Amino acid sequence: MKLLRLLGTFTLLAFAAAPKLWTDTVERLRTRPGLITDETSHAVQLVPDSIHDGDTFRVTDGIREIKIRLCGIDAPELEQPLGISSRDHLRSLVARGNGTANIVKTATDQYGRTVAEVFVPIAGSEEEIHLNSQMVVDGMAYVYPQYVGSCPNASVIRAVEEKATKQGVGLWSDRSRQKPWEYRRQG
């Protein structure tokens, strides 16, 4: 399998001073056109109303629907604290786009889902939201240690979790939180 990598560098936007502005302005990866080559990235259409939880949704390539699992992160299950909030946050990030996404496939999981890094072009802008890291930095998903190493931007995803942890946002504001993979082992 050919090693997937993104060309160029990503610039992290600076943290906003006010927590109210957090989700709108912090840690969005900024990319320039051409950073993702056609060889590693595939443009797809997001399937409306298909976001199941904070790390899973469907896209279409014009021929078939494809289930996407965000690489390297794990969002709370819907029945866990912040599970619904995580799903709704992913919906809000996707809604900022133009209905398309660029996916960088890293694997196919045991359930047949395409595991990928996903970039959503922001409508009317040259910027893209890197969904994987944005969900983590906003405190709506954890880095999934077992799988993050297969992501082309694993170091970015890990770094933004450190920042979210220090800021105590979302998942990191609740000391009694249970990580989704631990929760699933119980059930």
C-alpha atoms as a PDB file:
ATOM      1  CA  MET A   1       0.000   0.000   0.000  1.00  0.00           C
ATOM      2  CA  LYS A   2       1.344   3.356  -1.006  1.00  0.00           C
ATOM      3  CA  LEU A   3       2.228   5.624   1.897  1.00  0.00           C
ATOM      4  CA  LEU A   4      -0.346   8.381   2.147  1.00  0.00           C
ATOM      5  CA  ARG A   5       0.872  11.823   2.974  1.00  0.00           C
ATOM      6  CA  LEU A   6      -0.247  15.364   2.580  1.00  0.00           C
ATOM      7  CA  LEU A   7       2.000  17.810   0.795  1.00  0.00           C
ATOM      8  CA  GLY A   8       2.878  21.118   2.356  1.00  0.00           C
ATOM      9  CA  THR A   9       2.350  22.251   5.908  1.00  0.00           C
ATOM     10  CA  PHE A  10      -0.727  23.006   7.910  1.00  0.00           C
ATOM     11  CA  THR A  11      -1.067  26.192   9.854  1.00  0.00           C
ATOM     12  CA  LEU A  12      -3.051  25.987  13.064  1.00  0.00           C
ATOM     13  CA  LEU A  13      -5.140  29.022  13.800  1.00  0.00           C
ATOM     14  CA  ALA A  14      -4.464  30.652  17.166  1.00  0.00           C
ATOM     15  CA  PHE A  15      -6.659  29.946  20.180  1.00  0.00           C
ATOM     16  CA  ALA A  16      -9.316  32.541  20.871  1.00  0.00           C
ATOM     17  CA  ALA A  17      -9.100  34.186  24.268  1.00  0.00           C
ATOM     18  CA  ALA A  18     -12.810  33.931  25.006  1.00  0.00           C
ATOM     19  CA  PRO A  19     -14.305  30.430  25.506  1.00  0.00           C
ATOM     20  CA  LYS A  20     -17.495  31.595  23.736  1.00  0.00           C
ATOM     21  CA  LEU A  21     -15.530  31.992  20.516  1.00  0.00           C
ATOM     22  CA  TRP A  22     -13.793  28.622  20.914  1.00  0.00           C
ATOM     23  CA  THR A  23     -15.735  26.498  18.444  1.00  0.00           C
ATOM     24  CA  ASP A  24     -15.835  29.161  15.755  1.00  0.00           C
ATOM     25  CA  THR A  25     -12.246  30.290  15.702  1.00  0.00           C
ATOM     26  CA  VAL A  26      -9.728  27.913  17.239  1.00  0.00           C
ATOM     27  CA  GLU A  27      -7.531  25.261  15.815  1.00  0.00           C
ATOM     28  CA  ARG A  28      -9.032  24.983  12.339  1.00  0.00           C
ATOM     29  CA  LEU A  29      -6.469  23.566   9.996  1.00  0.00           C
ATOM     30  CA  ARG A  30      -5.953  25.949   7.124  1.00  0.00           C
ATOM     31  CA  THR A  31      -5.077  24.429   3.808  1.00  0.00           C
ATOM     32  CA  ARG A  32      -4.317  25.880   0.429  1.00  0.00           C
ATOM     33  CA  PRO A  33      -5.643  24.500  -2.856  1.00  0.00           C
ATOM     34  CA  GLY A  34      -3.372  21.762  -4.123  1.00  0.00           C
ATOM     35  CA  LEU A  35      -2.177  20.561  -0.715  1.00  0.00           C
ATOM     36  CA  ILE A  36      -3.949  17.259  -1.150  1.00  0.00           C
ATOM     37  CA  THR A  37      -3.028  15.535  -4.359  1.00  0.00           C
ATOM     38  CA  ASP A  38      -5.530  13.662  -6.520  1.00  0.00           C
ATOM     39  CA  GLU A  39      -3.487  10.567  -5.781  1.00  0.00           C
ATOM     40  CA  THR A  40      -4.338  10.674  -2.055  1.00  0.00           C
ATOM     41  CA  SER A  41      -7.609  12.577  -1.924  1.00  0.00           C
ATOM     42  CA  HIS A  42     -11.038  11.908  -3.329  1.00  0.00           C
ATOM     43  CA  ALA A  43     -13.769  14.516  -3.633  1.00  0.00           C
ATOM     44  CA  VAL A  44     -17.159  13.229  -2.514  1.00  0.00           C
ATOM     45  CA  GLN A  45     -20.603  14.585  -1.716  1.00  0.00           C
ATOM     46  CA  LEU A  46     -21.836  14.430   1.851  1.00  0.00           C
ATOM     47  CA  VAL A  47     -25.115  12.525   2.205  1.00  0.00           C
ATOM     48  CA  PRO A  48     -27.634  14.856   3.887  1.00  0.00           C
ATOM     49  CA  ASP A  49     -28.781  13.774   7.365  1.00  0.00           C
ATOM     50  CA  SER A  50     -26.315  10.861   7.451  1.00  0.00           C
ATOM     51  CA  ILE A  51     -24.234  11.831  10.459  1.00  0.00           C
ATOM     52  CA  HIS A  52     -24.808   8.982  12.882  1.00  0.00           C
ATOM     53  CA  ASP A  53     -22.530  10.083  15.713  1.00  0.00           C
ATOM     54  CA  GLY A  54     -19.429  12.210  16.257  1.00  0.00           C
ATOM     55  CA  ASP A  55     -17.156  10.091  14.079  1.00  0.00           C
ATOM     56  CA  THR A  56     -19.326   8.296  11.491  1.00  0.00           C
ATOM     57  CA  PHE A  57     -21.312   9.473   8.456  1.00  0.00           C
ATOM     58  CA  ARG A  58     -21.967   8.680   4.797  1.00  0.00           C
ATOM     59  CA  VAL A  59     -20.791  10.201   1.540  1.00  0.00           C
ATOM     60  CA  THR A  60     -21.435   9.403  -2.098  1.00  0.00           C
ATOM     61  CA  ASP A  61     -18.972   9.246  -4.934  1.00  0.00           C
ATOM     62  CA  GLY A  62     -21.824   9.615  -7.443  1.00  0.00           C
ATOM     63  CA  ILE A  63     -22.187   5.873  -7.836  1.00  0.00           C
ATOM     64  CA  ARG A  64     -22.573   4.453  -4.347  1.00  0.00           C
ATOM     65  CA  GLU A  65     -22.873   5.513  -0.724  1.00  0.00           C
ATOM     66  CA  ILE A  66     -19.796   4.997   1.419  1.00  0.00           C
ATOM     67  CA  LYS A  67     -19.750   4.855   5.216  1.00  0.00           C
ATOM     68  CA  ILE A  68     -16.908   6.957   6.603  1.00  0.00           C
ATOM     69  CA  ARG A  69     -15.255   6.486   9.993  1.00  0.00           C
ATOM     70  CA  LEU A  70     -12.980   9.382  10.979  1.00  0.00           C
ATOM     71  CA  CYS A  71      -9.393   8.151  11.311  1.00  0.00           C
ATOM     72  CA  GLY A  72      -7.688   8.267  14.684  1.00  0.00           C
ATOM     73  CA  ILE A  73     -10.519   9.623  16.802  1.00  0.00           C
ATOM     74  CA  ASP A  74     -13.343   8.152  18.853  1.00  0.00           C
ATOM     75  CA  ALA A  75     -16.441  10.131  19.796  1.00  0.00           C
ATOM     76  CA  PRO A  76     -18.705   9.249  22.717  1.00  0.00           C
ATOM     77  CA  GLU A  77     -21.486   6.778  22.008  1.00  0.00           C
ATOM     78  CA  LEU A  78     -24.886   8.442  21.679  1.00  0.00           C
ATOM     79  CA  GLU A  79     -26.012   7.146  25.086  1.00  0.00           C
ATOM     80  CA  GLN A  80     -22.865   8.470  26.814  1.00  0.00           C
ATOM     81  CA  PRO A  81     -22.585  11.990  28.260  1.00  0.00           C
ATOM     82  CA  LEU A  82     -21.911  14.410  25.381  1.00  0.00           C
ATOM     83  CA  GLY A  83     -22.728  11.701  22.806  1.00  0.00           C
ATOM     84  CA  ILE A  84     -25.589  13.695  21.266  1.00  0.00           C
ATOM     85  CA  SER A  85     -23.593  16.921  21.587  1.00  0.00           C
ATOM     86  CA  SER A  86     -20.675  15.330  19.752  1.00  0.00           C
ATOM     87  CA  ARG A  87     -22.928  14.207  16.893  1.00  0.00           C
ATOM     88  CA  ASP A  88     -24.555  17.630  16.703  1.00  0.00           C
ATOM     89  CA  HIS A  89     -21.165  19.340  16.722  1.00  0.00           C
ATOM     90  CA  LEU A  90     -20.025  17.253  13.755  1.00  0.00           C
ATOM     91  CA  ARG A  91     -23.259  18.225  11.999  1.00  0.00           C
ATOM     92  CA  SER A  92     -22.519  21.908  12.650  1.00  0.00           C
ATOM     93  CA  LEU A  93     -18.983  21.599  11.247  1.00  0.00           C
ATOM     94  CA  VAL A  94     -20.234  19.873   8.100  1.00  0.00           C
ATOM     95  CA  ALA A  95     -22.973  22.516   7.724  1.00  0.00           C
ATOM     96  CA  ARG A  96     -20.272  25.194   7.383  1.00  0.00           C
ATOM     97  CA  GLY A  97     -19.189  23.554   4.143  1.00  0.00           C
ATOM     98  CA  ASN A  98     -20.575  23.435   0.655  1.00  0.00           C
ATOM     99  CA  GLY A  99     -21.848  19.836   0.782  1.00  0.00           C
ATOM    100  CA  THR A 100     -18.607  18.281  -0.416  1.00  0.00           C
ATOM    101  CA  ALA A 101     -15.622  16.753   1.320  1.00  0.00           C
ATOM    102  CA  ASN A 102     -12.161  15.543   0.428  1.00  0.00           C
ATOM    103  CA  ILE A 103     -11.337  12.182   1.940  1.00  0.00           C
ATOM    104  CA  VAL A 104      -7.938  10.608   2.405  1.00  0.00           C
ATOM    105  CA  LYS A 105      -8.592   6.908   2.886  1.00  0.00           C
ATOM    106  CA  THR A 106      -6.304   5.094   5.318  1.00  0.00           C
ATOM    107  CA  ALA A 107      -8.052   1.729   5.707  1.00  0.00           C
ATOM    108  CA  THR A 108     -11.280  -0.244   5.683  1.00  0.00           C
ATOM    109  CA  ASP A 109     -12.405  -1.297   9.160  1.00  0.00           C
ATOM    110  CA  GLN A 110     -13.951  -4.571  10.325  1.00  0.00           C
ATOM    111  CA  TYR A 111     -17.444  -3.192   9.621  1.00  0.00           C
ATOM    112  CA  GLY A 112     -16.631  -2.313   6.009  1.00  0.00           C
ATOM    113  CA  ARG A 113     -16.426   1.431   6.670  1.00  0.00           C
ATOM    114  CA  THR A 114     -13.830   3.573   4.930  1.00  0.00           C
ATOM    115  CA  VAL A 115     -11.487   4.963   7.577  1.00  0.00           C
ATOM    116  CA  ALA A 116     -10.313   8.391   6.457  1.00  0.00           C
ATOM    117  CA  GLU A 117      -9.139  11.859   7.235  1.00  0.00           C
ATOM    118  CA  VAL A 118     -11.828  14.238   6.031  1.00  0.00           C
ATOM    119  CA  PHE A 119     -11.527  17.860   4.922  1.00  0.00           C
ATOM    120  CA  VAL A 120     -14.669  19.954   4.439  1.00  0.00           C
ATOM    121  CA  PRO A 121     -14.224  23.075   2.277  1.00  0.00           C
ATOM    122  CA  ILE A 122     -15.754  26.072   4.031  1.00  0.00           C
ATOM    123  CA  ALA A 123     -18.357  27.699   1.811  1.00  0.00           C
ATOM    124  CA  GLY A 124     -17.051  30.929   0.246  1.00  0.00           C
ATOM    125  CA  SER A 125     -13.499  30.404   1.484  1.00  0.00           C
ATOM    126  CA  GLU A 126     -10.244  28.714   0.542  1.00  0.00           C
ATOM    127  CA  GLU A 127     -10.077  27.117   3.992  1.00  0.00           C
ATOM    128  CA  GLU A 128     -11.026  23.570   4.862  1.00  0.00           C
ATOM    129  CA  ILE A 129     -12.010  22.098   8.202  1.00  0.00           C
ATOM    130  CA  HIS A 130      -9.996  19.000   9.066  1.00  0.00           C
ATOM    131  CA  LEU A 131     -12.866  17.179  10.771  1.00  0.00           C
ATOM    132  CA  ASN A 132     -10.640  14.703  12.608  1.00  0.00           C
ATOM    133  CA  SER A 133      -8.627  17.320  14.487  1.00  0.00           C
ATOM    134  CA  GLN A 134     -11.460  19.843  14.800  1.00  0.00           C
ATOM    135  CA  MET A 135     -13.647  17.347  16.684  1.00  0.00           C
ATOM    136  CA  VAL A 136     -10.771  16.696  19.092  1.00  0.00           C
ATOM    137  CA  VAL A 137      -9.767  20.318  19.656  1.00  0.00           C
ATOM    138  CA  ASP A 138     -13.393  21.247  20.322  1.00  0.00           C
ATOM    139  CA  GLY A 139     -13.556  18.580  23.036  1.00  0.00           C
ATOM    140  CA  MET A 140     -16.082  16.434  21.160  1.00  0.00           C
ATOM    141  CA  ALA A 141     -13.880  13.377  20.484  1.00  0.00           C
ATOM    142  CA  TYR A 142     -10.813  11.639  21.875  1.00  0.00           C
ATOM    143  CA  VAL A 143      -7.665  10.615  20.090  1.00  0.00           C
ATOM    144  CA  TYR A 144      -8.032   6.858  19.553  1.00  0.00           C
ATOM    145  CA  PRO A 145      -4.543   5.681  20.566  1.00  0.00           C
ATOM    146  CA  GLN A 146      -4.878   2.253  18.971  1.00  0.00           C
ATOM    147  CA  TYR A 147      -5.583   3.702  15.506  1.00  0.00           C
ATOM    148  CA  VAL A 148      -4.278   7.281  15.322  1.00  0.00           C
ATOM    149  CA  GLY A 149      -0.873   6.121  14.045  1.00  0.00           C
ATOM    150  CA  SER A 150      -2.386   5.206  10.669  1.00  0.00           C
ATOM    151  CA  CYS A 151      -3.575   8.782  10.057  1.00  0.00           C
ATOM    152  CA  PRO A 152      -1.423  10.991   7.807  1.00  0.00           C
ATOM    153  CA  ASN A 153      -1.870  13.840  10.311  1.00  0.00           C
ATOM    154  CA  ALA A 154      -1.522  11.791  13.511  1.00  0.00           C
ATOM    155  CA  SER A 155       0.866  14.303  15.088  1.00  0.00           C
ATOM    156  CA  VAL A 156      -1.596  17.152  14.508  1.00  0.00           C
ATOM    157  CA  ILE A 157      -4.490  15.160  15.984  1.00  0.00           C
ATOM    158  CA  ARG A 158      -2.414  14.282  19.071  1.00  0.00           C
ATOM    159  CA  ALA A 159      -1.227  17.882  19.493  1.00  0.00           C
ATOM    160  CA  VAL A 160      -4.718  19.364  19.428  1.00  0.00           C
ATOM    161  CA  GLU A 161      -5.889  16.873  22.074  1.00  0.00           C
ATOM    162  CA  GLU A 162      -3.143  18.144  24.379  1.00  0.00           C
ATOM    163  CA  LYS A 163      -4.406  21.682  23.882  1.00  0.00           C
ATOM    164  CA  ALA A 164      -8.051  20.709  24.419  1.00  0.00           C
ATOM    165  CA  THR A 165      -7.104  18.832  27.582  1.00  0.00           C
ATOM    166  CA  LYS A 166      -5.259  21.853  28.976  1.00  0.00           C
ATOM    167  CA  GLN A 167      -8.206  24.119  28.126  1.00  0.00           C
ATOM    168  CA  GLY A 168     -10.668  21.713  29.788  1.00  0.00           C
ATOM    169  CA  VAL A 169     -13.227  21.948  26.980  1.00  0.00           C
ATOM    170  CA  GLY A 170     -16.041  19.511  26.207  1.00  0.00           C
ATOM    171  CA  LEU A 171     -15.083  15.990  27.234  1.00  0.00           C
ATOM    172  CA  TRP A 172     -12.173  17.347  29.227  1.00  0.00           C
ATOM    173  CA  SER A 173     -14.443  19.359  31.534  1.00  0.00           C
ATOM    174  CA  ASP A 174     -15.882  16.189  33.144  1.00  0.00           C
ATOM    175  CA  ARG A 175     -13.516  14.281  35.419  1.00  0.00           C
ATOM    176  CA  SER A 176     -15.891  11.291  35.536  1.00  0.00           C
ATOM    177  CA  ARG A 177     -15.840  10.818  31.767  1.00  0.00           C
ATOM    178  CA  GLN A 178     -15.434   7.350  30.305  1.00  0.00           C
ATOM    179  CA  LYS A 179     -13.678   6.874  27.005  1.00  0.00           C
ATOM    180  CA  PRO A 180     -15.896   5.296  24.321  1.00  0.00           C
ATOM    181  CA  TRP A 181     -13.713   2.215  23.818  1.00  0.00           C
ATOM    182  CA  GLU A 182     -13.905   1.519  27.577  1.00  0.00           C
ATOM    183  CA  TYR A 183     -17.675   2.035  27.510  1.00  0.00           C
ATOM    184  CA  ARG A 184     -18.091  -0.407  24.619  1.00  0.00           C
ATOM    185  CA  ARG A 185     -16.056  -3.101  26.430  1.00  0.00           C
ATOM    186  CA  GLN A 186     -18.599  -3.025  29.274  1.00  0.00           C
ATOM    187  CA  GLY A 187     -21.600  -3.597  27.017  1.00  0.00           C
END
